[in-house]
Amino acid sequence: MAIYAIGDLHGCCDSLQRLLEQIRFDPTVDRLWFVGDLVNRGGQSLETLRLVKQLGSTAITVQGNHDLSLLAIAGGHAKARAKDTIQPILDAPDAAELLDWLRCLPLLHHDADLGFTLVHAGLAPQWDLAQAQACARELESVLRGPDYQEFLAVMYGSQPDCWQDTLSGMDRLRCSANYLTRMRFCRIDDGGLDFANKETPQQAPENLLPWFAIPWRRNADLNIVFGHWAALGYYRAPGVYALDSGCAWGNRLTALRLDDGGETVVSVDCAA
C-alpha cells in the first residue's frame, strides 16, 4: 500500500488524473491525502470536487481557504470574484450534495502511526498538537452543525490576528480558521498573523518569518504536510513538507509519498 499527499488542486482535474497515473494509484490498496483548496482558479473545479468526493474513504482531505470561500459564496455571505471558477459547482444538479460533503471535511488530520500531520496552511506557533487538534475540532463541529451559516457570515476578517487562549465565540473560530487555512508569515515576537505578504520568505519584512521558522514554535516536533503557499513552491525542511507547487498557475502538481518517510516525490506539469 502506498500513501501519497498531493498539493493544492485548484480545479486542475486533468493534472490530477495524470499524477494518479504517474504514481500508479490503485484505489483498492493505496490512499491519498489532499492538502485542501480543491477548487477555484483552475477550469475544472466541479470535476475535481466530484472526483475527490468519489474517492470516498480512499482519500483524506482537509479544507482550504478556497473551499471555505466556496461555502461562504454559496451561502450568500460573499460574492464571487471575476477570476473565480466556482460557478459550475453552484449551478450543478448535485451542488447541495457536494457542498455538504465539503463543509464536513476535517481541518486537520494527524496519523500517529505514520508520523505525519496534514493541514492546509499550517499550525499556529502557539499550538502544540493537542491544542491544534482541539481548535480544529471546534471549527469542524460548527461547520458540520445546523448553525454553520452563522460562522460563514462572519468568517471573513483579519481580527483577531494573534492567538490567545482566552478567545471565545466567533473571534476564536475566525482566528483558528485563519491560522489553519490562510497563514503564511507570522510576527516573530508573538506569532501574530500577517496577511499582506504572500511572497517568498526572502522577500518578507524583517519582523516576519514563515510560520514554520518561528524559533519558539510549539509544534516543531511534528512532521507537517501543508499547501497554500504557491510562491514557496515544493519545499521541505526538517518536519516541514510544503506541496503547493502552483499547478493552477501553469507550474506543477506534486505528490509526496508518506509511507516511505517522504523519500519519494512525483510531480507533473500543469495539464492546461
C-alpha atoms as a PDB file:
ATOM      1  CA  MET A   1       0.000   0.000   0.000  1.00  0.00           C
ATOM      2  CA  ALA A   2       1.224   3.475  -0.908  1.00  0.00           C
ATOM      3  CA  ILE A   3       0.087   6.703   0.770  1.00  0.00           C
ATOM      4  CA  TYR A   4       0.621   9.929  -1.145  1.00  0.00           C
ATOM      5  CA  ALA A   5      -0.058  13.515  -0.100  1.00  0.00           C
ATOM      6  CA  ILE A   6      -0.984  15.797  -3.007  1.00  0.00           C
ATOM      7  CA  GLY A   7      -0.700  19.576  -3.243  1.00  0.00           C
ATOM      8  CA  ASP A   8      -3.366  22.188  -3.931  1.00  0.00           C
ATOM      9  CA  LEU A   9      -5.545  21.087  -6.862  1.00  0.00           C
ATOM     10  CA  HIS A  10      -7.365  24.380  -7.524  1.00  0.00           C
ATOM     11  CA  GLY A  11      -9.649  22.805 -10.091  1.00  0.00           C
ATOM     12  CA  CYS A  12      -6.899  21.086 -12.113  1.00  0.00           C
ATOM     13  CA  CYS A  13      -8.659  17.766 -12.630  1.00  0.00           C
ATOM     14  CA  ASP A  14      -6.741  16.686 -15.734  1.00  0.00           C
ATOM     15  CA  SER A  15      -3.445  17.278 -13.931  1.00  0.00           C
ATOM     16  CA  LEU A  16      -4.668  15.193 -11.010  1.00  0.00           C
ATOM     17  CA  GLN A  17      -5.598  12.342 -13.345  1.00  0.00           C
ATOM     18  CA  ARG A  18      -2.136  12.465 -14.895  1.00  0.00           C
ATOM     19  CA  LEU A  19      -0.486  12.484 -11.491  1.00  0.00           C
ATOM     20  CA  LEU A  20      -2.520   9.477 -10.348  1.00  0.00           C
ATOM     21  CA  GLU A  21      -1.414   7.631 -13.461  1.00  0.00           C
ATOM     22  CA  GLN A  22       2.190   8.610 -12.778  1.00  0.00           C
ATOM     23  CA  ILE A  23       2.138   7.186  -9.241  1.00  0.00           C
ATOM     24  CA  ARG A  24       0.151   4.152 -10.443  1.00  0.00           C
ATOM     25  CA  PHE A  25      -2.577   4.833  -7.929  1.00  0.00           C
ATOM     26  CA  ASP A  26      -4.638   1.744  -7.077  1.00  0.00           C
ATOM     27  CA  PRO A  27      -7.772   2.705  -5.138  1.00  0.00           C
ATOM     28  CA  THR A  28      -8.169  -0.837  -3.813  1.00  0.00           C
ATOM     29  CA  VAL A  29      -4.982  -0.603  -1.749  1.00  0.00           C
ATOM     30  CA  ASP A  30      -3.482   2.908  -1.951  1.00  0.00           C
ATOM     31  CA  ARG A  31      -4.514   6.015  -0.051  1.00  0.00           C
ATOM     32  CA  LEU A  32      -4.359   9.741  -0.809  1.00  0.00           C
ATOM     33  CA  TRP A  33      -4.078  12.830   1.350  1.00  0.00           C
ATOM     34  CA  PHE A  34      -5.145  16.201  -0.111  1.00  0.00           C
ATOM     35  CA  VAL A  35      -3.949  19.471   1.440  1.00  0.00           C
ATOM     36  CA  GLY A  36      -7.125  21.375   0.543  1.00  0.00           C
ATOM     37  CA  ASP A  37      -8.059  24.072  -1.949  1.00  0.00           C
ATOM     38  CA  LEU A  38      -9.683  21.554  -4.230  1.00  0.00           C
ATOM     39  CA  VAL A  39     -11.479  24.313  -6.119  1.00  0.00           C
ATOM     40  CA  ASN A  40     -11.065  27.691  -7.805  1.00  0.00           C
ATOM     41  CA  ARG A  41      -8.553  29.229 -10.220  1.00  0.00           C
ATOM     42  CA  GLY A  42      -8.325  26.180 -12.490  1.00  0.00           C
ATOM     43  CA  GLY A  43     -11.068  25.488 -15.022  1.00  0.00           C
ATOM     44  CA  GLN A  44     -12.297  22.129 -13.695  1.00  0.00           C
ATOM     45  CA  SER A  45     -13.416  22.868 -10.156  1.00  0.00           C
ATOM     46  CA  LEU A  46     -16.655  20.896 -10.488  1.00  0.00           C
ATOM     47  CA  GLU A  47     -14.913  17.859 -11.970  1.00  0.00           C
ATOM     48  CA  THR A  48     -12.206  18.000  -9.310  1.00  0.00           C
ATOM     49  CA  LEU A  49     -14.702  18.174  -6.464  1.00  0.00           C
ATOM     50  CA  ARG A  50     -16.661  15.237  -7.852  1.00  0.00           C
ATOM     51  CA  LEU A  51     -13.540  13.132  -8.381  1.00  0.00           C
ATOM     52  CA  VAL A  52     -12.173  13.608  -4.880  1.00  0.00           C
ATOM     53  CA  LYS A  53     -15.599  13.039  -3.326  1.00  0.00           C
ATOM     54  CA  GLN A  54     -15.978   9.807  -5.275  1.00  0.00           C
ATOM     55  CA  LEU A  55     -12.736   8.516  -3.780  1.00  0.00           C
ATOM     56  CA  GLY A  56     -14.600   8.086  -0.509  1.00  0.00           C
ATOM     57  CA  SER A  57     -12.544   6.630   2.341  1.00  0.00           C
ATOM     58  CA  THR A  58      -9.621   6.150  -0.032  1.00  0.00           C
ATOM     59  CA  ALA A  59      -8.821   9.852   0.415  1.00  0.00           C
ATOM     60  CA  ILE A  60      -8.367  12.156   3.396  1.00  0.00           C
ATOM     61  CA  THR A  61      -8.915  15.806   2.531  1.00  0.00           C
ATOM     62  CA  VAL A  62      -8.613  18.896   4.716  1.00  0.00           C
ATOM     63  CA  GLN A  63     -10.383  22.126   3.900  1.00  0.00           C
ATOM     64  CA  GLY A  64      -8.522  25.102   2.486  1.00  0.00           C
ATOM     65  CA  ASN A  65      -9.369  28.793   2.311  1.00  0.00           C
ATOM     66  CA  HIS A  66     -10.774  28.496  -1.220  1.00  0.00           C
ATOM     67  CA  ASP A  67     -13.006  25.631  -0.113  1.00  0.00           C
ATOM     68  CA  LEU A  68     -14.335  27.740   2.758  1.00  0.00           C
ATOM     69  CA  SER A  69     -14.770  30.642   0.355  1.00  0.00           C
ATOM     70  CA  LEU A  70     -16.922  28.465  -1.894  1.00  0.00           C
ATOM     71  CA  LEU A  71     -19.147  27.632   1.077  1.00  0.00           C
ATOM     72  CA  ALA A  72     -19.439  31.310   2.002  1.00  0.00           C
ATOM     73  CA  ILE A  73     -20.338  32.322  -1.560  1.00  0.00           C
ATOM     74  CA  ALA A  74     -22.874  29.517  -1.831  1.00  0.00           C
ATOM     75  CA  GLY A  75     -24.459  30.718   1.402  1.00  0.00           C
ATOM     76  CA  GLY A  76     -24.725  34.297   0.153  1.00  0.00           C
ATOM     77  CA  HIS A  77     -22.145  35.639   2.597  1.00  0.00           C
ATOM     78  CA  ALA A  78     -19.596  36.701  -0.031  1.00  0.00           C
ATOM     79  CA  LYS A  79     -19.522  37.476  -3.726  1.00  0.00           C
ATOM     80  CA  ALA A  80     -17.519  35.564  -6.303  1.00  0.00           C
ATOM     81  CA  ARG A  81     -14.677  37.469  -7.935  1.00  0.00           C
ATOM     82  CA  ALA A  82     -14.161  37.774 -11.653  1.00  0.00           C
ATOM     83  CA  LYS A  83     -11.257  35.294 -11.601  1.00  0.00           C
ATOM     84  CA  ASP A  84     -13.137  32.674  -9.568  1.00  0.00           C
ATOM     85  CA  THR A  85     -14.050  29.446 -11.362  1.00  0.00           C
ATOM     86  CA  ILE A  86     -16.679  28.065  -8.997  1.00  0.00           C
ATOM     87  CA  GLN A  87     -19.916  28.935 -10.803  1.00  0.00           C
ATOM     88  CA  PRO A  88     -20.233  25.483 -12.440  1.00  0.00           C
ATOM     89  CA  ILE A  89     -20.325  23.985  -8.947  1.00  0.00           C
ATOM     90  CA  LEU A  90     -23.087  26.329  -7.834  1.00  0.00           C
ATOM     91  CA  ASP A  91     -25.074  25.539 -10.984  1.00  0.00           C
ATOM     92  CA  ALA A  92     -24.581  21.766 -10.815  1.00  0.00           C
ATOM     93  CA  PRO A  93     -27.546  19.472 -10.057  1.00  0.00           C
ATOM     94  CA  ASP A  94     -25.513  17.858  -7.269  1.00  0.00           C
ATOM     95  CA  ALA A  95     -24.374  21.193  -5.801  1.00  0.00           C
ATOM     96  CA  ALA A  96     -26.066  20.697  -2.428  1.00  0.00           C
ATOM     97  CA  GLU A  97     -24.568  17.228  -2.029  1.00  0.00           C
ATOM     98  CA  LEU A  98     -21.078  18.443  -2.962  1.00  0.00           C
ATOM     99  CA  LEU A  99     -21.231  21.445  -0.629  1.00  0.00           C
ATOM    100  CA  ASP A 100     -22.491  19.375   2.297  1.00  0.00           C
ATOM    101  CA  TRP A 101     -19.635  16.927   1.745  1.00  0.00           C
ATOM    102  CA  LEU A 102     -17.121  19.767   1.530  1.00  0.00           C
ATOM    103  CA  ARG A 103     -18.147  21.503   4.751  1.00  0.00           C
ATOM    104  CA  CYS A 104     -17.920  18.228   6.680  1.00  0.00           C
ATOM    105  CA  LEU A 105     -14.277  17.657   5.773  1.00  0.00           C
ATOM    106  CA  PRO A 106     -11.731  17.990   8.590  1.00  0.00           C
ATOM    107  CA  LEU A 107      -9.445  20.971   9.120  1.00  0.00           C
ATOM    108  CA  LEU A 108      -6.590  18.840  10.451  1.00  0.00           C
ATOM    109  CA  HIS A 109      -5.617  15.192  10.226  1.00  0.00           C
ATOM    110  CA  HIS A 110      -2.934  13.540  12.341  1.00  0.00           C
ATOM    111  CA  ASP A 111      -1.676   9.988  11.862  1.00  0.00           C
ATOM    112  CA  ALA A 112       0.481   8.995  14.810  1.00  0.00           C
ATOM    113  CA  ASP A 113       1.491   5.664  13.264  1.00  0.00           C
ATOM    114  CA  LEU A 114       2.545   7.257  10.005  1.00  0.00           C
ATOM    115  CA  GLY A 115       4.113  10.211  11.773  1.00  0.00           C
ATOM    116  CA  PHE A 116       2.583  12.987   9.658  1.00  0.00           C
ATOM    117  CA  THR A 117       0.099  15.801  10.275  1.00  0.00           C
ATOM    118  CA  LEU A 118      -1.989  17.218   7.416  1.00  0.00           C
ATOM    119  CA  VAL A 119      -3.311  20.786   7.311  1.00  0.00           C
ATOM    120  CA  HIS A 120      -3.940  23.368   4.607  1.00  0.00           C
ATOM    121  CA  ALA A 121      -1.809  26.365   5.636  1.00  0.00           C
ATOM    122  CA  GLY A 122      -0.089  25.398   8.869  1.00  0.00           C
ATOM    123  CA  LEU A 123      -0.371  25.279  12.641  1.00  0.00           C
ATOM    124  CA  ALA A 124      -0.283  28.360  14.854  1.00  0.00           C
ATOM    125  CA  PRO A 125       3.147  28.636  16.503  1.00  0.00           C
ATOM    126  CA  GLN A 126       1.362  28.909  19.867  1.00  0.00           C
ATOM    127  CA  TRP A 127      -0.258  25.478  19.482  1.00  0.00           C
ATOM    128  CA  ASP A 128       1.096  22.083  20.375  1.00  0.00           C
ATOM    129  CA  LEU A 129      -0.560  19.099  18.712  1.00  0.00           C
ATOM    130  CA  ALA A 130      -3.255  18.670  21.357  1.00  0.00           C
ATOM    131  CA  GLN A 131      -4.322  22.307  21.165  1.00  0.00           C
ATOM    132  CA  ALA A 132      -4.223  22.311  17.365  1.00  0.00           C
ATOM    133  CA  GLN A 133      -6.481  19.266  17.305  1.00  0.00           C
ATOM    134  CA  ALA A 134      -8.849  20.840  19.818  1.00  0.00           C
ATOM    135  CA  CYS A 135      -9.105  24.097  17.840  1.00  0.00           C
ATOM    136  CA  ALA A 136      -9.675  22.196  14.600  1.00  0.00           C
ATOM    137  CA  ARG A 137     -12.397  20.095  16.230  1.00  0.00           C
ATOM    138  CA  GLU A 138     -14.169  23.221  17.497  1.00  0.00           C
ATOM    139  CA  LEU A 139     -14.287  24.642  13.992  1.00  0.00           C
ATOM    140  CA  GLU A 140     -15.274  21.309  12.434  1.00  0.00           C
ATOM    141  CA  SER A 141     -18.143  20.944  14.908  1.00  0.00           C
ATOM    142  CA  VAL A 142     -19.575  24.307  13.906  1.00  0.00           C
ATOM    143  CA  LEU A 143     -19.187  23.719  10.161  1.00  0.00           C
ATOM    144  CA  ARG A 144     -20.852  20.317  10.444  1.00  0.00           C
ATOM    145  CA  GLY A 145     -23.656  21.584  12.654  1.00  0.00           C
ATOM    146  CA  PRO A 146     -27.034  23.168  11.894  1.00  0.00           C
ATOM    147  CA  ASP A 147     -25.801  26.726  12.537  1.00  0.00           C
ATOM    148  CA  TYR A 148     -22.788  26.670  10.211  1.00  0.00           C
ATOM    149  CA  GLN A 149     -24.150  29.607   8.212  1.00  0.00           C
ATOM    150  CA  GLU A 150     -23.727  31.840  11.256  1.00  0.00           C
ATOM    151  CA  PHE A 151     -19.986  31.242  11.191  1.00  0.00           C
ATOM    152  CA  LEU A 152     -19.696  31.634   7.413  1.00  0.00           C
ATOM    153  CA  ALA A 153     -21.431  35.007   7.724  1.00  0.00           C
ATOM    154  CA  VAL A 154     -18.641  36.340   9.968  1.00  0.00           C
ATOM    155  CA  MET A 155     -15.755  34.183   8.770  1.00  0.00           C
ATOM    156  CA  TYR A 156     -14.067  36.904   6.731  1.00  0.00           C
ATOM    157  CA  GLY A 157     -11.829  39.256   8.650  1.00  0.00           C
ATOM    158  CA  SER A 158      -8.256  39.507   9.862  1.00  0.00           C
ATOM    159  CA  GLN A 159      -9.009  40.196  13.518  1.00  0.00           C
ATOM    160  CA  PRO A 160      -8.108  38.917  15.972  1.00  0.00           C
ATOM    161  CA  ASP A 161      -4.743  38.386  14.289  1.00  0.00           C
ATOM    162  CA  CYS A 162      -2.956  36.673  17.170  1.00  0.00           C
ATOM    163  CA  TRP A 163      -3.978  33.568  19.052  1.00  0.00           C
ATOM    164  CA  GLN A 164      -4.890  33.874  22.713  1.00  0.00           C
ATOM    165  CA  ASP A 165      -6.263  31.011  24.778  1.00  0.00           C
ATOM    166  CA  THR A 166      -8.871  33.405  26.151  1.00  0.00           C
ATOM    167  CA  LEU A 167     -10.503  33.971  22.756  1.00  0.00           C
ATOM    168  CA  SER A 168     -14.109  32.843  22.598  1.00  0.00           C
ATOM    169  CA  GLY A 169     -17.099  32.677  20.293  1.00  0.00           C
ATOM    170  CA  MET A 170     -16.782  33.725  16.679  1.00  0.00           C
ATOM    171  CA  ASP A 171     -13.485  35.529  17.321  1.00  0.00           C
ATOM    172  CA  ARG A 172     -11.947  32.239  18.427  1.00  0.00           C
ATOM    173  CA  LEU A 173     -13.339  30.343  15.441  1.00  0.00           C
ATOM    174  CA  ARG A 174     -12.248  33.011  12.952  1.00  0.00           C
ATOM    175  CA  CYS A 175      -8.747  33.130  14.405  1.00  0.00           C
ATOM    176  CA  SER A 176      -8.447  29.338  14.258  1.00  0.00           C
ATOM    177  CA  ALA A 177      -9.663  29.283  10.662  1.00  0.00           C
ATOM    178  CA  ASN A 178      -7.158  31.960   9.674  1.00  0.00           C
ATOM    179  CA  TYR A 179      -4.231  30.058  11.167  1.00  0.00           C
ATOM    180  CA  LEU A 180      -5.327  26.748   9.680  1.00  0.00           C
ATOM    181  CA  THR A 181      -6.230  27.963   6.190  1.00  0.00           C
ATOM    182  CA  ARG A 182      -4.708  31.419   5.482  1.00  0.00           C
ATOM    183  CA  MET A 183      -1.384  31.598   7.321  1.00  0.00           C
ATOM    184  CA  ARG A 184       1.984  32.162   5.649  1.00  0.00           C
ATOM    185  CA  PHE A 185       4.023  34.633   7.680  1.00  0.00           C
ATOM    186  CA  CYS A 186       3.881  35.311  11.406  1.00  0.00           C
ATOM    187  CA  ARG A 187       5.356  38.010  13.583  1.00  0.00           C
ATOM    188  CA  ILE A 188       8.481  36.752  15.299  1.00  0.00           C
ATOM    189  CA  ASP A 189       7.669  38.090  18.746  1.00  0.00           C
ATOM    190  CA  ASP A 190       4.100  36.920  19.338  1.00  0.00           C
ATOM    191  CA  GLY A 191       3.215  34.627  16.416  1.00  0.00           C
ATOM    192  CA  GLY A 192       0.593  37.046  15.135  1.00  0.00           C
ATOM    193  CA  LEU A 193      -0.632  36.635  11.573  1.00  0.00           C
ATOM    194  CA  ASP A 194       0.434  38.748   8.616  1.00  0.00           C
ATOM    195  CA  PHE A 195      -1.977  38.739   5.677  1.00  0.00           C
ATOM    196  CA  ALA A 196      -0.275  41.282   3.423  1.00  0.00           C
ATOM    197  CA  ASN A 197       2.732  39.247   2.309  1.00  0.00           C
ATOM    198  CA  LYS A 198       2.421  36.242   0.005  1.00  0.00           C
ATOM    199  CA  GLU A 199       5.905  36.244  -1.474  1.00  0.00           C
ATOM    200  CA  THR A 200       8.898  34.031  -0.805  1.00  0.00           C
ATOM    201  CA  PRO A 201      10.480  34.046   2.677  1.00  0.00           C
ATOM    202  CA  GLN A 202      13.425  36.022   1.321  1.00  0.00           C
ATOM    203  CA  GLN A 203      11.099  38.906   0.444  1.00  0.00           C
ATOM    204  CA  ALA A 204       9.458  39.234   3.858  1.00  0.00           C
ATOM    205  CA  PRO A 205       9.944  42.234   6.153  1.00  0.00           C
ATOM    206  CA  GLU A 206      12.440  41.771   8.982  1.00  0.00           C
ATOM    207  CA  ASN A 207       9.794  41.358  11.672  1.00  0.00           C
ATOM    208  CA  LEU A 208       8.195  38.370   9.921  1.00  0.00           C
ATOM    209  CA  LEU A 209       9.144  34.747   9.441  1.00  0.00           C
ATOM    210  CA  PRO A 210       7.392  31.834   7.769  1.00  0.00           C
ATOM    211  CA  TRP A 211       5.177  30.264  10.415  1.00  0.00           C
ATOM    212  CA  PHE A 212       7.313  27.122  10.413  1.00  0.00           C
ATOM    213  CA  ALA A 213      10.511  29.127  11.074  1.00  0.00           C
ATOM    214  CA  ILE A 214       9.296  30.817  14.277  1.00  0.00           C
ATOM    215  CA  PRO A 215      12.052  29.725  16.705  1.00  0.00           C
ATOM    216  CA  TRP A 216       9.767  29.104  19.675  1.00  0.00           C
ATOM    217  CA  ARG A 217       7.072  27.222  17.691  1.00  0.00           C
ATOM    218  CA  ARG A 218       5.390  24.656  19.975  1.00  0.00           C
ATOM    219  CA  ASN A 219       4.650  22.111  17.220  1.00  0.00           C
ATOM    220  CA  ALA A 220       8.196  21.819  15.879  1.00  0.00           C
ATOM    221  CA  ASP A 221       8.260  18.143  16.884  1.00  0.00           C
ATOM    222  CA  LEU A 222       5.698  17.262  14.183  1.00  0.00           C
ATOM    223  CA  ASN A 223       6.071  16.374  10.506  1.00  0.00           C
ATOM    224  CA  ILE A 224       3.606  18.805   8.939  1.00  0.00           C
ATOM    225  CA  VAL A 225       2.317  18.440   5.373  1.00  0.00           C
ATOM    226  CA  PHE A 226       0.670  21.577   4.009  1.00  0.00           C
ATOM    227  CA  GLY A 227      -0.062  23.612   0.902  1.00  0.00           C
ATOM    228  CA  HIS A 228      -1.474  27.117   0.370  1.00  0.00           C
ATOM    229  CA  TRP A 229       1.822  28.886  -0.403  1.00  0.00           C
ATOM    230  CA  ALA A 230       2.351  28.802  -4.166  1.00  0.00           C
ATOM    231  CA  ALA A 231       5.234  31.277  -4.050  1.00  0.00           C
ATOM    232  CA  LEU A 232       7.075  28.916  -1.714  1.00  0.00           C
ATOM    233  CA  GLY A 233       6.511  26.017  -4.088  1.00  0.00           C
ATOM    234  CA  TYR A 234       7.568  22.486  -3.236  1.00  0.00           C
ATOM    235  CA  TYR A 235       9.700  22.936  -0.150  1.00  0.00           C
ATOM    236  CA  ARG A 236      10.983  20.764   2.626  1.00  0.00           C
ATOM    237  CA  ALA A 237      12.893  21.332   5.810  1.00  0.00           C
ATOM    238  CA  PRO A 238      13.069  19.229   8.983  1.00  0.00           C
ATOM    239  CA  GLY A 239       9.455  18.483   9.877  1.00  0.00           C
ATOM    240  CA  VAL A 240       8.068  20.643   7.061  1.00  0.00           C
ATOM    241  CA  TYR A 241       6.650  19.471   3.716  1.00  0.00           C
ATOM    242  CA  ALA A 242       5.120  22.196   1.520  1.00  0.00           C
ATOM    243  CA  LEU A 243       3.290  20.826  -1.526  1.00  0.00           C
ATOM    244  CA  ASP A 244       1.654  23.776  -3.326  1.00  0.00           C
ATOM    245  CA  SER A 245       3.754  23.860  -6.485  1.00  0.00           C
ATOM    246  CA  GLY A 246       1.386  26.194  -8.341  1.00  0.00           C
ATOM    247  CA  CYS A 247      -0.386  23.898 -10.779  1.00  0.00           C
ATOM    248  CA  ALA A 248      -3.232  26.348 -11.392  1.00  0.00           C
ATOM    249  CA  TRP A 249      -0.661  28.994 -12.327  1.00  0.00           C
ATOM    250  CA  GLY A 250       0.880  26.852 -15.047  1.00  0.00           C
ATOM    251  CA  ASN A 251       3.506  25.129 -12.936  1.00  0.00           C
ATOM    252  CA  ARG A 252       3.333  21.629 -11.441  1.00  0.00           C
ATOM    253  CA  LEU A 253       1.223  19.345  -9.277  1.00  0.00           C
ATOM    254  CA  THR A 254       3.211  17.463  -6.655  1.00  0.00           C
ATOM    255  CA  ALA A 255       2.722  14.247  -4.693  1.00  0.00           C
ATOM    256  CA  LEU A 256       4.803  13.170  -1.700  1.00  0.00           C
ATOM    257  CA  ARG A 257       4.871   9.542  -0.626  1.00  0.00           C
ATOM    258  CA  LEU A 258       4.345   9.334   3.117  1.00  0.00           C
ATOM    259  CA  ASP A 259       4.669   5.636   3.860  1.00  0.00           C
ATOM    260  CA  ASP A 260       8.349   5.740   2.881  1.00  0.00           C
ATOM    261  CA  GLY A 261       9.020   8.727   5.129  1.00  0.00           C
ATOM    262  CA  GLY A 262       8.689  11.312   2.391  1.00  0.00           C
ATOM    263  CA  GLU A 263      11.534   9.986   0.299  1.00  0.00           C
ATOM    264  CA  THR A 264       9.569   9.770  -2.956  1.00  0.00           C
ATOM    265  CA  VAL A 265       8.372  12.912  -4.727  1.00  0.00           C
ATOM    266  CA  VAL A 266       6.456  12.811  -8.011  1.00  0.00           C
ATOM    267  CA  SER A 267       5.187  15.787  -9.998  1.00  0.00           C
ATOM    268  CA  VAL A 268       3.565  16.508 -13.345  1.00  0.00           C
ATOM    269  CA  ASP A 269       3.324  19.650 -15.427  1.00  0.00           C
ATOM    270  CA  CYS A 270       0.057  21.540 -15.409  1.00  0.00           C
ATOM    271  CA  ALA A 271      -2.242  19.949 -17.971  1.00  0.00           C
ATOM    272  CA  ALA A 272      -3.675  23.286 -19.125  1.00  0.00           C
END
